[in-house]
C-alpha atoms as a PDB file:
ATOM      1  CA  UNK A   1     -16.062  -7.298  -8.385  1.00  0.00           C
ATOM      2  CA  UNK A   2     -15.574  -8.576  -4.339  1.00  0.00           C
ATOM      3  CA  UNK A   3     -14.583  -6.101  -1.352  1.00  0.00           C
ATOM      4  CA  UNK A   4     -13.549  -7.234   1.905  1.00  0.00           C
ATOM      5  CA  UNK A   5     -13.386  -5.044   4.801  1.00  0.00           C
ATOM      6  CA  UNK A   6     -10.081  -5.610   6.911  1.00  0.00           C
ATOM      7  CA  UNK A   7      -9.928  -5.054  10.696  1.00  0.00           C
ATOM      8  CA  UNK A   8      -8.780  -1.967  10.988  1.00  0.00           C
ATOM      9  CA  UNK A   9     -11.596   0.419   9.587  1.00  0.00           C
ATOM     10  CA  UNK A  10     -11.252   2.278   6.406  1.00  0.00           C
ATOM     11  CA  UNK A  11      -8.815  -0.298   4.716  1.00  0.00           C
ATOM     12  CA  UNK A  12     -10.616  -2.761   2.201  1.00  0.00           C
ATOM     13  CA  UNK A  13      -9.035  -5.576  -0.102  1.00  0.00           C
ATOM     14  CA  UNK A  14     -10.632  -5.975  -3.331  1.00  0.00           C
ATOM     15  CA  UNK A  15     -10.592  -9.026  -5.303  1.00  0.00           C
ATOM     16  CA  UNK A  16     -11.710  -8.599  -9.328  1.00  0.00           C
ATOM     17  CA  UNK A  17     -13.951 -11.018 -11.057  1.00  0.00           C
ATOM     18  CA  UNK A  18     -11.525 -12.538 -13.408  1.00  0.00           C
ATOM     19  CA  UNK A  19     -12.488 -14.395 -16.559  1.00  0.00           C
ATOM     20  CA  UNK A  20     -10.397 -17.081 -17.763  1.00  0.00           C
ATOM     21  CA  UNK A  21     -10.467 -19.138 -21.064  1.00  0.00           C
ATOM     22  CA  UNK A  22      -7.585 -21.082 -23.426  1.00  0.00           C
ATOM     23  CA  UNK A  23      -6.862 -17.380 -24.495  1.00  0.00           C
ATOM     24  CA  UNK A  24      -5.990 -16.159 -20.895  1.00  0.00           C
ATOM     25  CA  UNK A  25      -8.055 -13.996 -18.548  1.00  0.00           C
ATOM     26  CA  UNK A  26      -9.629 -10.680 -18.418  1.00  0.00           C
ATOM     27  CA  UNK A  27     -10.956  -8.381 -15.582  1.00  0.00           C
ATOM     28  CA  UNK A  28     -11.924  -4.773 -14.811  1.00  0.00           C
ATOM     29  CA  UNK A  29      -9.051  -3.836 -12.474  1.00  0.00           C
ATOM     30  CA  UNK A  30     -10.609  -0.657 -11.930  1.00  0.00           C
ATOM     31  CA  UNK A  31     -14.837   0.103 -12.148  1.00  0.00           C
ATOM     32  CA  UNK A  32     -15.772   3.814 -10.847  1.00  0.00           C
ATOM     33  CA  UNK A  33     -19.047   2.904 -10.480  1.00  0.00           C
ATOM     34  CA  UNK A  34     -18.522  -0.423  -8.433  1.00  0.00           C
ATOM     35  CA  UNK A  35     -15.977   1.134  -6.354  1.00  0.00           C
ATOM     36  CA  UNK A  36     -18.245   3.886  -5.306  1.00  0.00           C
ATOM     37  CA  UNK A  37     -21.567   1.505  -4.914  1.00  0.00           C
ATOM     38  CA  UNK A  38     -19.063  -0.194  -1.820  1.00  0.00           C
ATOM     39  CA  UNK A  39     -18.754   3.545  -0.847  1.00  0.00           C
ATOM     40  CA  UNK A  40     -15.350   4.319  -2.413  1.00  0.00           C
ATOM     41  CA  UNK A  41     -15.197   7.618  -2.955  1.00  0.00           C
ATOM     42  CA  UNK A  42     -11.894   8.708  -3.948  1.00  0.00           C
ATOM     43  CA  UNK A  43     -11.137  10.853  -7.031  1.00  0.00           C
ATOM     44  CA  UNK A  44      -8.032   8.976  -8.347  1.00  0.00           C
ATOM     45  CA  UNK A  45      -6.288  11.295 -10.589  1.00  0.00           C
ATOM     46  CA  UNK A  46      -2.568  10.047 -10.709  1.00  0.00           C
ATOM     47  CA  UNK A  47      -0.998   6.692 -11.332  1.00  0.00           C
ATOM     48  CA  UNK A  48       2.319   5.472  -9.767  1.00  0.00           C
ATOM     49  CA  UNK A  49       4.469   2.536 -11.125  1.00  0.00           C
ATOM     50  CA  UNK A  50       7.580   0.946  -9.555  1.00  0.00           C
ATOM     51  CA  UNK A  51       9.633  -2.029 -10.872  1.00  0.00           C
ATOM     52  CA  UNK A  52      12.272  -3.827  -8.044  1.00  0.00           C
ATOM     53  CA  UNK A  53      13.997  -7.176  -7.556  1.00  0.00           C
ATOM     54  CA  UNK A  54      13.424  -9.173  -4.274  1.00  0.00           C
ATOM     55  CA  UNK A  55      14.438  -8.007  -0.988  1.00  0.00           C
ATOM     56  CA  UNK A  56      13.534  -4.375  -1.813  1.00  0.00           C
ATOM     57  CA  UNK A  57      11.462  -2.704   1.181  1.00  0.00           C
ATOM     58  CA  UNK A  58      10.145   0.694  -0.167  1.00  0.00           C
ATOM     59  CA  UNK A  59       8.182   2.788   2.872  1.00  0.00           C
ATOM     60  CA  UNK A  60       6.574   3.555   5.286  1.00  0.00           C
ATOM     61  CA  UNK A  61       5.474   6.488   3.429  1.00  0.00           C
ATOM     62  CA  UNK A  62       2.704   9.264   3.530  1.00  0.00           C
ATOM     63  CA  UNK A  63       1.705  12.560   2.814  1.00  0.00           C
ATOM     64  CA  UNK A  64       0.767  14.904   5.320  1.00  0.00           C
ATOM     65  CA  UNK A  65      -2.945  16.673   5.202  1.00  0.00           C
ATOM     66  CA  UNK A  66      -3.794  18.809   2.965  1.00  0.00           C
ATOM     67  CA  UNK A  67      -2.002  16.543   0.359  1.00  0.00           C
ATOM     68  CA  UNK A  68      -2.615  12.770   1.882  1.00  0.00           C
ATOM     69  CA  UNK A  69      -3.578  10.401  -0.449  1.00  0.00           C
ATOM     70  CA  UNK A  70      -5.156   7.455  -1.091  1.00  0.00           C
ATOM     71  CA  UNK A  71      -3.768   4.897  -3.011  1.00  0.00           C
ATOM     72  CA  UNK A  72      -5.365   1.675  -4.220  1.00  0.00           C
ATOM     73  CA  UNK A  73      -2.459  -1.109  -4.755  1.00  0.00           C
ATOM     74  CA  UNK A  74      -1.704  -3.740  -7.541  1.00  0.00           C
ATOM     75  CA  UNK A  75       0.508  -5.884  -8.504  1.00  0.00           C
ATOM     76  CA  UNK A  76       1.300  -6.226 -12.126  1.00  0.00           C
ATOM     77  CA  UNK A  77       4.462  -8.730 -11.972  1.00  0.00           C
ATOM     78  CA  UNK A  78       5.542 -10.868  -9.230  1.00  0.00           C
ATOM     79  CA  UNK A  79       4.071 -10.707  -5.516  1.00  0.00           C
ATOM     80  CA  UNK A  80       5.036  -8.081  -2.784  1.00  0.00           C
ATOM     81  CA  UNK A  81       3.501  -8.020   0.913  1.00  0.00           C
ATOM     82  CA  UNK A  82       1.913  -4.738   1.027  1.00  0.00           C
ATOM     83  CA  UNK A  83       2.014  -3.175   4.101  1.00  0.00           C
ATOM     84  CA  UNK A  84      -0.373  -0.451   5.708  1.00  0.00           C
ATOM     85  CA  UNK A  85      -0.206   1.233   9.283  1.00  0.00           C
ATOM     86  CA  UNK A  86      -2.472   3.163  11.209  1.00  0.00           C
ATOM     87  CA  UNK A  87      -1.118   6.727  11.775  1.00  0.00           C
ATOM     88  CA  UNK A  88      -4.433   8.425  12.266  1.00  0.00           C
ATOM     89  CA  UNK A  89      -4.405   9.994  16.188  1.00  0.00           C
ATOM     90  CA  UNK A  90      -7.243   9.118  18.358  1.00  0.00           C
ATOM     91  CA  UNK A  91      -8.477   5.787  16.003  1.00  0.00           C
ATOM     92  CA  UNK A  92      -9.051   2.761  17.850  1.00  0.00           C
ATOM     93  CA  UNK A  93      -6.583   1.319  15.637  1.00  0.00           C
ATOM     94  CA  UNK A  94      -3.893   3.783  15.599  1.00  0.00           C
ATOM     95  CA  UNK A  95      -0.634   1.970  15.174  1.00  0.00           C
ATOM     96  CA  UNK A  96      -1.927  -1.049  13.984  1.00  0.00           C
ATOM     97  CA  UNK A  97      -0.545  -3.230  10.840  1.00  0.00           C
ATOM     98  CA  UNK A  98      -1.968  -4.559   8.279  1.00  0.00           C
ATOM     99  CA  UNK A  99      -0.318  -6.789   5.860  1.00  0.00           C
ATOM    100  CA  UNK A 100      -1.108  -8.867   2.666  1.00  0.00           C
ATOM    101  CA  UNK A 101       0.315 -10.458   0.208  1.00  0.00           C
ATOM    102  CA  UNK A 102      -0.313  -9.150  -3.549  1.00  0.00           C
ATOM    103  CA  UNK A 103       0.356 -10.948  -6.387  1.00  0.00           C
ATOM    104  CA  UNK A 104       0.610 -10.870 -10.544  1.00  0.00           C
ATOM    105  CA  UNK A 105      -1.250 -14.239 -10.210  1.00  0.00           C
ATOM    106  CA  UNK A 106      -3.726 -13.503  -7.175  1.00  0.00           C
ATOM    107  CA  UNK A 107      -4.800 -10.023  -8.228  1.00  0.00           C
ATOM    108  CA  UNK A 108      -5.825  -8.575  -5.242  1.00  0.00           C
ATOM    109  CA  UNK A 109      -5.898  -4.780  -4.650  1.00  0.00           C
ATOM    110  CA  UNK A 110      -5.449  -2.641  -1.214  1.00  0.00           C
ATOM    111  CA  UNK A 111      -7.311   0.349  -0.943  1.00  0.00           C
ATOM    112  CA  UNK A 112      -5.508   2.398   1.934  1.00  0.00           C
ATOM    113  CA  UNK A 113      -7.483   5.494   2.415  1.00  0.00           C
ATOM    114  CA  UNK A 114      -6.040   9.153   3.906  1.00  0.00           C
ATOM    115  CA  UNK A 115      -4.261   8.241   7.446  1.00  0.00           C
ATOM    116  CA  UNK A 116      -2.336   5.406   6.770  1.00  0.00           C
ATOM    117  CA  UNK A 117       1.563   4.862   6.250  1.00  0.00           C
ATOM    118  CA  UNK A 118       2.270   2.430   3.343  1.00  0.00           C
ATOM    119  CA  UNK A 119       4.899   0.362   2.281  1.00  0.00           C
ATOM    120  CA  UNK A 120       5.957  -2.780   0.748  1.00  0.00           C
ATOM    121  CA  UNK A 121       8.500  -5.986   0.181  1.00  0.00           C
ATOM    122  CA  UNK A 122       9.380  -7.829  -2.604  1.00  0.00           C
ATOM    123  CA  UNK A 123       9.076 -11.659  -2.437  1.00  0.00           C
ATOM    124  CA  UNK A 124       9.697 -12.976  -5.911  1.00  0.00           C
ATOM    125  CA  UNK A 125      12.776 -11.936  -8.251  1.00  0.00           C
ATOM    126  CA  UNK A 126      11.221  -8.683  -9.141  1.00  0.00           C
ATOM    127  CA  UNK A 127       8.160  -6.832  -9.098  1.00  0.00           C
ATOM    128  CA  UNK A 128       5.847  -4.597 -10.606  1.00  0.00           C
ATOM    129  CA  UNK A 129       3.512  -2.606  -8.383  1.00  0.00           C
ATOM    130  CA  UNK A 130       0.675   0.030  -9.735  1.00  0.00           C
ATOM    131  CA  UNK A 131      -0.924   2.456  -7.503  1.00  0.00           C
ATOM    132  CA  UNK A 132      -3.566   5.407  -7.676  1.00  0.00           C
ATOM    133  CA  UNK A 133      -3.596   8.340  -6.174  1.00  0.00           C
ATOM    134  CA  UNK A 134      -6.603  10.628  -5.399  1.00  0.00           C
ATOM    135  CA  UNK A 135      -4.274  13.277  -4.722  1.00  0.00           C
ATOM    136  CA  UNK A 136      -0.661  14.310  -6.394  1.00  0.00           C
ATOM    137  CA  UNK A 137       2.488  14.050  -5.170  1.00  0.00           C
ATOM    138  CA  UNK A 138       3.842  17.165  -2.954  1.00  0.00           C
ATOM    139  CA  UNK A 139       7.395  16.398  -1.668  1.00  0.00           C
ATOM    140  CA  UNK A 140       7.180  19.343   0.970  1.00  0.00           C
ATOM    141  CA  UNK A 141       4.173  16.904   2.622  1.00  0.00           C
ATOM    142  CA  UNK A 142       6.535  13.839   2.902  1.00  0.00           C
ATOM    143  CA  UNK A 143       6.020  11.917   5.929  1.00  0.00           C
ATOM    144  CA  UNK A 144       7.531   8.717   7.267  1.00  0.00           C
ATOM    145  CA  UNK A 145       8.045   5.562   9.318  1.00  0.00           C
ATOM    146  CA  UNK A 146      11.454   3.742   9.374  1.00  0.00           C
ATOM    147  CA  UNK A 147      10.489   0.585   7.616  1.00  0.00           C
ATOM    148  CA  UNK A 148      12.438  -1.853  11.076  1.00  0.00           C
ATOM    149  CA  UNK A 149      10.778   0.338  13.452  1.00  0.00           C
ATOM    150  CA  UNK A 150      11.034  -1.492  16.912  1.00  0.00           C
ATOM    151  CA  UNK A 151       7.422  -0.741  18.164  1.00  0.00           C
ATOM    152  CA  UNK A 152       5.933  -1.995  15.299  1.00  0.00           C
ATOM    153  CA  UNK A 153       7.795  -5.098  14.522  1.00  0.00           C
ATOM    154  CA  UNK A 154       7.110  -5.446  10.874  1.00  0.00           C
ATOM    155  CA  UNK A 155       7.791  -9.014   9.697  1.00  0.00           C
ATOM    156  CA  UNK A 156       8.201  -7.966   5.623  1.00  0.00           C
ATOM    157  CA  UNK A 157       9.124 -11.946   4.432  1.00  0.00           C
ATOM    158  CA  UNK A 158      12.909 -10.722   4.005  1.00  0.00           C
ATOM    159  CA  UNK A 159      15.862 -11.501   5.560  1.00  0.00           C
ATOM    160  CA  UNK A 160      18.063  -8.815   7.069  1.00  0.00           C
ATOM    161  CA  UNK A 161      20.970 -10.190   4.869  1.00  0.00           C
ATOM    162  CA  UNK A 162      18.614  -9.153   2.146  1.00  0.00           C
ATOM    163  CA  UNK A 163      16.902  -6.593   2.470  1.00  0.00           C
ATOM    164  CA  UNK A 164      17.304  -3.462  -0.015  1.00  0.00           C
ATOM    165  CA  UNK A 165      16.127  -0.058   1.563  1.00  0.00           C
ATOM    166  CA  UNK A 166      16.955   3.462   0.158  1.00  0.00           C
ATOM    167  CA  UNK A 167      18.966   6.018   1.861  1.00  0.00           C
ATOM    168  CA  UNK A 168      15.873   8.057   2.007  1.00  0.00           C
ATOM    169  CA  UNK A 169      14.243   5.637   3.751  1.00  0.00           C
ATOM    170  CA  UNK A 170      16.584   4.478   6.177  1.00  0.00           C
ATOM    171  CA  UNK A 171      16.413   8.129   7.662  1.00  0.00           C
ATOM    172  CA  UNK A 172      12.817   8.413   8.182  1.00  0.00           C
ATOM    173  CA  UNK A 173      11.920   8.076  11.699  1.00  0.00           C
ATOM    174  CA  UNK A 174      10.660   6.139  14.252  1.00  0.00           C
ATOM    175  CA  UNK A 175       6.859   5.831  14.739  1.00  0.00           C
ATOM    176  CA  UNK A 176       6.710   7.560  17.952  1.00  0.00           C
ATOM    177  CA  UNK A 177       8.891  10.388  16.261  1.00  0.00           C
ATOM    178  CA  UNK A 178       7.051  10.636  13.328  1.00  0.00           C
ATOM    179  CA  UNK A 179       5.240  14.082  12.897  1.00  0.00           C
ATOM    180  CA  UNK A 180       1.874  13.375  11.159  1.00  0.00           C
ATOM    181  CA  UNK A 181      -1.236  15.797  10.879  1.00  0.00           C
ATOM    182  CA  UNK A 182      -4.297  12.888  10.439  1.00  0.00           C
END
């Protein structure tokens, strides 16, 4: 198992060791002991899964403390652009964006700790995304940032005319107006 630090403290890219032969492949998608050896001490307690078509943009979402969630994101089918925004006030990388292509083919996973807004866009015809969380969903603690915030200028990899965004996500505030307690 390989862990790579990103240029934003706390965000880790994980690449499992894959064993392939004529039958297909096998890999450990998660091993608590290996993650702990890499310094990741999340106690994952909930798995979430979504299935979306090309052009769907989900996010940017987070939960406020004390219900903040760390997430380990992977793709079971298709390809996404996974995006994390540092919303930790006082962080030297506050407001910085990290994005990475995650796919069923590359098997990469992104560990997103507390204090980040998270979203993704679907780059393939369809995608199934699975992510582990270390806290349960809590509706009252929902927070977020609108996906097309002009200060963040995120390139979602999807032309504007092909974007599909939920009504709920279209109502999210700008980054500068978002409530957060990180």
